N, C-alpha and C. Protein backbone atom coordinates (compact mmCIF):
# COMPACT_ATOMS: atom_id res chain seq x y z
N MET A 1 147.59 134.22 74.94
CA MET A 1 147.96 135.01 76.10
C MET A 1 148.30 136.41 75.62
N ILE A 2 147.88 137.39 76.37
CA ILE A 2 148.20 138.78 76.05
C ILE A 2 149.29 139.25 77.01
N ILE A 3 150.29 139.84 76.46
CA ILE A 3 151.30 140.51 77.28
C ILE A 3 151.35 141.94 76.78
N LYS A 4 151.07 142.88 77.66
CA LYS A 4 151.12 144.29 77.30
C LYS A 4 152.36 144.91 77.92
N ARG A 5 153.01 145.74 77.16
CA ARG A 5 154.16 146.47 77.66
C ARG A 5 153.78 147.94 77.78
N TYR A 6 154.19 148.53 78.90
CA TYR A 6 153.88 149.93 79.16
C TYR A 6 155.14 150.67 79.54
N ARG A 7 155.23 151.89 79.07
CA ARG A 7 156.34 152.74 79.47
C ARG A 7 155.87 153.57 80.66
N VAL A 8 156.58 153.45 81.75
CA VAL A 8 156.27 154.19 82.97
C VAL A 8 157.49 155.02 83.31
N ARG A 9 157.39 156.30 83.08
CA ARG A 9 158.51 157.23 83.26
C ARG A 9 159.73 156.74 82.49
N PHE A 10 160.74 156.22 83.20
CA PHE A 10 162.00 155.86 82.54
C PHE A 10 162.16 154.36 82.29
N TYR A 11 161.17 153.58 82.61
CA TYR A 11 161.32 152.14 82.42
C TYR A 11 160.09 151.55 81.74
N THR A 12 160.27 150.37 81.19
CA THR A 12 159.19 149.64 80.55
C THR A 12 158.80 148.48 81.46
N THR A 13 157.52 148.25 81.58
CA THR A 13 157.03 147.13 82.38
C THR A 13 156.07 146.33 81.53
N ARG A 14 155.74 145.14 81.96
CA ARG A 14 154.82 144.30 81.22
C ARG A 14 153.77 143.75 82.16
N VAL A 15 152.63 143.47 81.59
CA VAL A 15 151.52 142.89 82.33
C VAL A 15 151.05 141.68 81.56
N LEU A 16 150.99 140.52 82.22
CA LEU A 16 150.51 139.30 81.59
C LEU A 16 149.05 139.08 81.94
N PHE A 17 148.27 138.69 80.95
CA PHE A 17 146.87 138.37 81.15
C PHE A 17 146.67 136.88 80.87
N TYR A 18 146.51 136.11 81.94
CA TYR A 18 146.25 134.67 81.79
C TYR A 18 144.78 134.45 81.42
N ALA A 19 143.95 135.31 81.93
CA ALA A 19 142.51 135.27 81.67
C ALA A 19 142.02 136.71 81.78
N LEU A 20 140.93 137.00 81.13
CA LEU A 20 140.39 138.33 81.28
C LEU A 20 138.90 138.34 81.02
N THR A 21 138.25 139.33 81.60
CA THR A 21 136.85 139.59 81.39
C THR A 21 136.78 140.65 80.31
N TYR A 22 136.03 140.36 79.27
CA TYR A 22 136.04 141.20 78.08
C TYR A 22 134.66 141.10 77.43
N PRO A 23 134.28 142.03 76.57
CA PRO A 23 132.96 141.91 75.94
C PRO A 23 132.78 140.59 75.20
N ASP A 24 131.56 140.09 75.25
CA ASP A 24 131.20 138.84 74.58
C ASP A 24 131.09 139.08 73.08
N VAL A 25 131.56 138.15 72.30
CA VAL A 25 131.57 138.30 70.84
C VAL A 25 130.15 138.40 70.27
N LYS A 26 129.17 137.78 70.93
CA LYS A 26 127.79 137.80 70.43
C LYS A 26 127.02 139.03 70.91
N ASP A 27 127.40 139.60 72.04
CA ASP A 27 126.71 140.75 72.60
C ASP A 27 127.73 141.58 73.38
N PHE A 28 128.19 142.67 72.79
CA PHE A 28 129.25 143.48 73.38
C PHE A 28 128.86 144.11 74.71
N ASP A 29 127.56 144.17 74.99
CA ASP A 29 127.10 144.74 76.26
C ASP A 29 127.18 143.74 77.40
N LYS A 30 127.53 142.50 77.10
CA LYS A 30 127.67 141.46 78.11
C LYS A 30 129.13 141.03 78.19
N PHE A 31 129.50 140.47 79.34
CA PHE A 31 130.86 139.99 79.53
C PHE A 31 131.00 138.52 79.14
N ALA A 32 132.19 138.19 78.72
CA ALA A 32 132.63 136.81 78.57
C ALA A 32 133.95 136.71 79.31
N ILE A 33 134.30 135.51 79.70
CA ILE A 33 135.58 135.29 80.35
C ILE A 33 136.44 134.46 79.41
N TYR A 34 137.60 135.00 79.08
CA TYR A 34 138.53 134.35 78.17
C TYR A 34 139.72 133.87 78.99
N VAL A 35 140.00 132.57 78.88
CA VAL A 35 141.09 131.96 79.64
C VAL A 35 142.08 131.37 78.64
N TYR A 36 143.34 131.67 78.84
CA TYR A 36 144.39 131.10 77.99
C TYR A 36 144.42 129.59 78.19
N VAL A 37 144.30 128.85 77.09
CA VAL A 37 144.20 127.39 77.15
C VAL A 37 145.42 126.74 77.82
N GLY A 38 146.60 127.34 77.67
CA GLY A 38 147.80 126.80 78.31
C GLY A 38 147.68 126.80 79.82
N LEU A 39 146.96 127.75 80.35
CA LEU A 39 146.71 127.81 81.80
C LEU A 39 145.85 126.62 82.22
N ILE A 40 144.84 126.32 81.44
CA ILE A 40 143.96 125.19 81.74
C ILE A 40 144.74 123.88 81.67
N ASP A 41 145.60 123.75 80.66
CA ASP A 41 146.38 122.53 80.49
C ASP A 41 147.39 122.32 81.62
N LYS A 42 148.06 123.40 82.03
CA LYS A 42 149.15 123.26 83.00
C LYS A 42 148.70 123.34 84.46
N PHE A 43 147.63 124.06 84.73
CA PHE A 43 147.18 124.26 86.11
C PHE A 43 145.67 124.06 86.25
N PRO A 44 145.16 122.90 85.90
CA PRO A 44 143.70 122.69 85.97
C PRO A 44 143.14 122.84 87.38
N ASP A 45 143.93 122.55 88.39
CA ASP A 45 143.44 122.68 89.77
C ASP A 45 143.23 124.13 90.17
N LEU A 46 143.87 125.05 89.47
CA LEU A 46 143.74 126.47 89.79
C LEU A 46 142.58 127.14 89.04
N LEU A 47 141.97 126.41 88.11
CA LEU A 47 140.92 127.00 87.29
C LEU A 47 139.75 127.59 88.08
N PRO A 48 139.26 126.96 89.15
CA PRO A 48 138.18 127.60 89.92
C PRO A 48 138.58 128.98 90.44
N GLY A 49 139.81 129.12 90.89
CA GLY A 49 140.28 130.42 91.38
C GLY A 49 140.39 131.44 90.26
N VAL A 50 140.84 130.99 89.10
CA VAL A 50 140.95 131.88 87.94
C VAL A 50 139.57 132.41 87.56
N ILE A 51 138.62 131.48 87.42
CA ILE A 51 137.26 131.87 87.03
C ILE A 51 136.63 132.75 88.12
N GLY A 52 136.83 132.40 89.38
CA GLY A 52 136.32 133.22 90.48
C GLY A 52 136.87 134.63 90.43
N HIS A 53 138.18 134.73 90.17
CA HIS A 53 138.81 136.05 90.07
C HIS A 53 138.16 136.86 88.95
N GLU A 54 137.95 136.23 87.81
CA GLU A 54 137.34 136.94 86.68
C GLU A 54 135.88 137.31 86.98
N PHE A 55 135.15 136.42 87.65
CA PHE A 55 133.78 136.76 88.06
C PHE A 55 133.78 137.95 89.00
N SER A 56 134.80 138.07 89.83
CA SER A 56 134.85 139.20 90.74
C SER A 56 134.98 140.52 89.97
N HIS A 57 135.62 140.48 88.79
CA HIS A 57 135.66 141.67 87.94
C HIS A 57 134.26 142.03 87.44
N VAL A 58 133.49 141.00 87.07
CA VAL A 58 132.12 141.23 86.61
C VAL A 58 131.29 141.82 87.75
N ILE A 59 131.44 141.26 88.94
CA ILE A 59 130.71 141.77 90.11
C ILE A 59 131.10 143.22 90.39
N ALA A 60 132.40 143.50 90.35
CA ALA A 60 132.88 144.85 90.64
C ALA A 60 132.35 145.87 89.63
N SER A 61 132.16 145.44 88.40
CA SER A 61 131.65 146.35 87.37
C SER A 61 130.13 146.37 87.33
N LYS A 62 129.52 145.66 88.27
CA LYS A 62 128.05 145.56 88.33
C LYS A 62 127.48 144.99 87.03
N GLY A 63 128.29 144.17 86.37
CA GLY A 63 127.85 143.51 85.15
C GLY A 63 127.77 144.40 83.93
N LYS A 64 128.24 145.63 84.04
CA LYS A 64 128.15 146.58 82.93
C LYS A 64 129.46 146.66 82.17
N VAL A 65 129.38 146.52 80.86
CA VAL A 65 130.54 146.72 80.00
C VAL A 65 130.56 148.20 79.66
N GLU A 66 131.29 148.95 80.45
CA GLU A 66 131.36 150.38 80.20
C GLU A 66 132.66 150.96 80.73
N LEU A 67 132.98 152.10 80.21
CA LEU A 67 134.15 152.85 80.65
C LEU A 67 133.63 154.22 81.08
N THR A 68 133.89 154.58 82.31
CA THR A 68 133.45 155.88 82.80
C THR A 68 134.48 156.94 82.43
N LYS A 69 134.09 158.20 82.61
CA LYS A 69 135.05 159.29 82.39
C LYS A 69 136.26 159.14 83.31
N LYS A 70 135.99 158.74 84.55
CA LYS A 70 137.07 158.54 85.52
C LYS A 70 138.02 157.44 85.05
N ASP A 71 137.44 156.32 84.54
CA ASP A 71 138.26 155.22 84.01
C ASP A 71 139.11 155.71 82.85
N LEU A 72 138.49 156.42 81.92
CA LEU A 72 139.20 156.89 80.74
C LEU A 72 140.34 157.82 81.12
N ALA A 73 140.07 158.72 82.06
CA ALA A 73 141.11 159.65 82.51
C ALA A 73 142.29 158.88 83.11
N LEU A 74 141.99 157.85 83.91
CA LEU A 74 143.06 157.06 84.52
C LEU A 74 143.81 156.25 83.47
N VAL A 75 143.10 155.68 82.51
CA VAL A 75 143.76 154.92 81.44
C VAL A 75 144.75 155.82 80.70
N LEU A 76 144.31 157.03 80.38
CA LEU A 76 145.17 157.93 79.62
C LEU A 76 146.32 158.47 80.44
N LYS A 77 146.10 158.67 81.74
CA LYS A 77 147.13 159.23 82.61
C LYS A 77 148.10 158.16 83.11
N ASP A 78 147.56 157.01 83.50
CA ASP A 78 148.38 155.98 84.16
C ASP A 78 147.77 154.61 83.92
N ARG A 79 148.14 153.99 82.80
CA ARG A 79 147.57 152.70 82.41
C ARG A 79 147.75 151.64 83.48
N LEU A 80 148.94 151.58 84.08
CA LEU A 80 149.17 150.59 85.14
C LEU A 80 148.32 150.91 86.37
N GLY A 81 148.15 152.17 86.66
CA GLY A 81 147.29 152.56 87.76
C GLY A 81 145.86 152.11 87.53
N TYR A 82 145.41 152.21 86.27
CA TYR A 82 144.07 151.75 85.91
C TYR A 82 143.94 150.24 86.14
N ILE A 83 144.93 149.49 85.66
CA ILE A 83 144.91 148.03 85.83
C ILE A 83 144.91 147.68 87.32
N ASN A 84 145.76 148.34 88.08
CA ASN A 84 145.81 148.08 89.53
C ASN A 84 144.49 148.43 90.21
N ALA A 85 143.86 149.53 89.79
CA ALA A 85 142.56 149.91 90.37
C ALA A 85 141.51 148.85 90.06
N LYS A 86 141.52 148.31 88.84
CA LYS A 86 140.56 147.26 88.47
C LYS A 86 140.81 145.98 89.28
N GLU A 87 142.09 145.66 89.49
CA GLU A 87 142.41 144.48 90.30
C GLU A 87 141.96 144.68 91.75
N LYS A 88 142.14 145.88 92.27
CA LYS A 88 141.72 146.19 93.64
C LYS A 88 140.21 146.09 93.77
N SER A 89 139.48 146.61 92.80
CA SER A 89 138.02 146.53 92.87
C SER A 89 137.55 145.07 92.77
N ALA A 90 138.27 144.25 92.01
CA ALA A 90 137.93 142.82 91.94
C ALA A 90 138.18 142.16 93.30
N GLU A 91 139.32 142.47 93.91
CA GLU A 91 139.61 141.90 95.24
C GLU A 91 138.56 142.32 96.26
N ASP A 92 138.06 143.53 96.14
CA ASP A 92 137.03 144.01 97.06
C ASP A 92 135.72 143.24 96.91
N ALA A 93 135.56 142.53 95.80
CA ALA A 93 134.33 141.75 95.57
C ALA A 93 134.47 140.29 96.02
N TYR A 94 135.63 139.90 96.51
CA TYR A 94 135.82 138.51 96.93
C TYR A 94 134.85 138.10 98.04
N TYR A 95 134.41 139.07 98.83
CA TYR A 95 133.51 138.75 99.94
C TYR A 95 132.21 138.11 99.44
N CYS A 96 131.88 138.27 98.16
CA CYS A 96 130.65 137.71 97.60
C CYS A 96 130.71 136.20 97.48
N PHE A 97 131.88 135.63 97.62
CA PHE A 97 132.07 134.19 97.45
C PHE A 97 132.15 133.50 98.81
N THR A 98 131.93 132.19 98.79
CA THR A 98 132.10 131.40 100.02
C THR A 98 133.56 131.45 100.44
N LYS A 99 133.81 131.13 101.70
CA LYS A 99 135.19 131.13 102.21
C LYS A 99 136.06 130.17 101.39
N GLU A 100 135.51 129.01 101.06
CA GLU A 100 136.27 128.03 100.28
C GLU A 100 136.66 128.61 98.91
N MET A 101 135.71 129.27 98.26
CA MET A 101 136.00 129.85 96.96
C MET A 101 136.96 131.02 97.09
N GLN A 102 136.82 131.81 98.13
CA GLN A 102 137.77 132.92 98.36
C GLN A 102 139.19 132.38 98.47
N SER A 103 139.35 131.27 99.15
CA SER A 103 140.71 130.72 99.31
C SER A 103 141.26 130.24 97.96
N LYS A 104 140.39 129.72 97.08
CA LYS A 104 140.85 129.30 95.75
C LYS A 104 141.25 130.51 94.90
N ILE A 105 140.49 131.58 95.02
CA ILE A 105 140.80 132.80 94.27
C ILE A 105 142.13 133.37 94.76
N ILE A 106 142.30 133.43 96.06
CA ILE A 106 143.54 133.96 96.63
C ILE A 106 144.73 133.07 96.26
N GLU A 107 144.50 131.75 96.25
CA GLU A 107 145.56 130.83 95.82
C GLU A 107 145.98 131.16 94.39
N TRP A 108 145.00 131.39 93.51
CA TRP A 108 145.32 131.75 92.13
C TRP A 108 146.09 133.07 92.09
N ASP A 109 145.63 134.04 92.85
CA ASP A 109 146.30 135.34 92.87
C ASP A 109 147.78 135.19 93.24
N VAL A 110 148.07 134.32 94.19
CA VAL A 110 149.46 134.09 94.61
C VAL A 110 150.23 133.40 93.48
N TYR A 111 149.66 132.32 92.91
CA TYR A 111 150.33 131.59 91.84
C TYR A 111 150.57 132.47 90.61
N SER A 112 149.62 133.34 90.31
CA SER A 112 149.73 134.14 89.08
C SER A 112 150.90 135.12 89.13
N LYS A 113 151.37 135.43 90.31
CA LYS A 113 152.47 136.39 90.45
C LYS A 113 153.85 135.72 90.51
N ARG A 114 153.87 134.42 90.54
CA ARG A 114 155.15 133.71 90.63
C ARG A 114 155.83 133.65 89.26
N GLU A 115 157.11 133.88 89.27
CA GLU A 115 157.88 133.86 88.03
C GLU A 115 157.84 132.49 87.36
N GLU A 116 157.88 131.42 88.16
CA GLU A 116 157.85 130.08 87.57
C GLU A 116 156.51 129.79 86.90
N THR A 117 155.44 130.39 87.40
CA THR A 117 154.13 130.24 86.75
C THR A 117 154.17 130.93 85.40
N GLU A 118 154.66 132.15 85.39
CA GLU A 118 154.79 132.89 84.13
C GLU A 118 155.62 132.11 83.13
N ASP A 119 156.78 131.64 83.56
CA ASP A 119 157.69 130.93 82.66
C ASP A 119 157.05 129.67 82.10
N SER A 120 156.36 128.92 82.94
CA SER A 120 155.72 127.68 82.53
C SER A 120 154.64 127.91 81.49
N ILE A 121 153.85 128.93 81.70
CA ILE A 121 152.73 129.19 80.80
C ILE A 121 153.18 129.87 79.52
N ARG A 122 154.11 130.78 79.63
CA ARG A 122 154.60 131.53 78.47
C ARG A 122 155.35 130.67 77.48
N LYS A 123 155.88 129.56 77.95
CA LYS A 123 156.76 128.71 77.13
C LYS A 123 156.19 128.42 75.74
N ASN A 124 154.95 127.99 75.63
CA ASN A 124 154.36 127.63 74.34
C ASN A 124 153.23 128.58 73.94
N ALA A 125 153.19 129.74 74.54
CA ALA A 125 152.10 130.67 74.28
C ALA A 125 152.32 131.45 73.00
N GLN A 126 151.21 131.76 72.36
CA GLN A 126 151.24 132.72 71.26
C GLN A 126 150.98 134.06 71.92
N ILE A 127 151.98 134.89 71.97
CA ILE A 127 151.85 136.17 72.65
C ILE A 127 151.32 137.20 71.65
N VAL A 128 150.24 137.85 72.02
CA VAL A 128 149.60 138.79 71.11
C VAL A 128 149.40 140.14 71.79
N ASN A 129 149.30 141.18 70.98
CA ASN A 129 148.97 142.49 71.52
C ASN A 129 147.45 142.64 71.51
N GLN A 130 146.95 143.77 71.98
CA GLN A 130 145.51 143.98 72.10
C GLN A 130 144.81 143.90 70.75
N GLU A 131 145.41 144.49 69.74
CA GLU A 131 144.81 144.48 68.41
C GLU A 131 144.66 143.05 67.87
N CYS A 132 145.71 142.24 68.01
CA CYS A 132 145.65 140.84 67.56
C CYS A 132 144.62 140.06 68.36
N PHE A 133 144.57 140.32 69.67
CA PHE A 133 143.60 139.65 70.52
C PHE A 133 142.18 139.96 70.03
N ASP A 134 141.92 141.23 69.78
CA ASP A 134 140.59 141.62 69.30
C ASP A 134 140.25 140.92 67.99
N GLU A 135 141.22 140.81 67.10
CA GLU A 135 140.99 140.12 65.83
C GLU A 135 140.68 138.64 66.06
N LEU A 136 141.43 138.00 66.96
CA LEU A 136 141.19 136.59 67.26
C LEU A 136 139.81 136.36 67.89
N VAL A 137 139.43 137.23 68.81
CA VAL A 137 138.17 137.06 69.53
C VAL A 137 136.97 137.42 68.66
N PHE A 138 137.02 138.58 68.02
CA PHE A 138 135.83 139.09 67.35
C PHE A 138 135.74 138.70 65.88
N GLY A 139 136.86 138.26 65.29
CA GLY A 139 136.83 137.77 63.91
C GLY A 139 136.11 138.70 62.97
N ASP A 140 135.07 138.16 62.30
CA ASP A 140 134.35 138.98 61.32
C ASP A 140 133.46 140.04 61.97
N ARG A 141 133.39 140.08 63.29
CA ARG A 141 132.64 141.12 64.00
C ARG A 141 133.56 142.22 64.54
N LEU A 142 134.82 142.20 64.13
CA LEU A 142 135.79 143.18 64.63
C LEU A 142 135.36 144.62 64.34
N GLU A 143 134.90 144.89 63.14
CA GLU A 143 134.47 146.25 62.80
C GLU A 143 133.27 146.66 63.64
N ASP A 144 132.35 145.73 63.90
CA ASP A 144 131.21 146.02 64.78
C ASP A 144 131.70 146.37 66.18
N TYR A 145 132.69 145.63 66.66
CA TYR A 145 133.23 145.89 67.99
C TYR A 145 133.90 147.27 68.03
N LYS A 146 134.65 147.61 67.00
CA LYS A 146 135.31 148.92 66.96
C LYS A 146 134.25 150.04 66.97
N GLN A 147 133.15 149.84 66.27
CA GLN A 147 132.06 150.83 66.29
C GLN A 147 131.42 150.92 67.67
N PHE A 148 131.29 149.79 68.35
CA PHE A 148 130.77 149.76 69.72
C PHE A 148 131.68 150.59 70.64
N VAL A 149 132.98 150.41 70.50
CA VAL A 149 133.94 151.15 71.31
C VAL A 149 133.85 152.65 71.01
N LYS A 150 133.82 153.01 69.72
CA LYS A 150 133.72 154.42 69.34
C LYS A 150 132.44 155.05 69.88
N PHE A 151 131.33 154.33 69.76
CA PHE A 151 130.05 154.83 70.26
C PHE A 151 130.14 155.11 71.76
N ASN A 152 130.72 154.18 72.50
CA ASN A 152 130.82 154.35 73.95
C ASN A 152 131.80 155.44 74.35
N LEU A 153 132.87 155.61 73.60
CA LEU A 153 133.79 156.72 73.87
C LEU A 153 133.10 158.05 73.59
N ASN A 154 132.31 158.12 72.54
CA ASN A 154 131.56 159.34 72.25
C ASN A 154 130.53 159.62 73.33
N LYS A 155 129.91 158.55 73.85
CA LYS A 155 128.92 158.70 74.92
C LYS A 155 129.58 159.27 76.17
N ILE A 156 130.80 158.84 76.48
CA ILE A 156 131.54 159.38 77.63
C ILE A 156 131.77 160.87 77.43
N GLY A 157 132.14 161.25 76.21
CA GLY A 157 132.43 162.64 75.91
C GLY A 157 131.22 163.54 76.05
N GLN A 158 130.01 162.99 75.94
CA GLN A 158 128.80 163.77 76.03
C GLN A 158 128.28 163.91 77.46
N LEU A 159 128.86 163.15 78.40
CA LEU A 159 128.38 163.21 79.78
C LEU A 159 128.78 164.48 80.46
């Protein structure tokens, strides 16, 4: 599980990632969905909603693993604003699913914000930062991934 802490003006906040859409270890230009195993163990009935939510991120990004200049500017200016904008764009893609699946995704969205859900899942979690997560996911391809990121950041700068 990833927990990120951000400083916003005078206070620190945290964001928990139970699952996320992230570049695939075999092909950085494609997405993979990474789900914290503790979530699967404790809430298997919510898994369709979790996966649906993550698929909505893929739909919202049109399947492209990229960061636009606008995204980069928002990340640098307001990291939480960037995360909230990505969540909003994912919610805007829920219409692509059947009504039944939409209800499962919304059910997950509600559960994911509950303190008791956080407490239950966090209990036995290995909490990692972004750098550790990248090491765990990409392993011996970590340097290749870092080069992929640098290349794409340079590409943004040339636009």
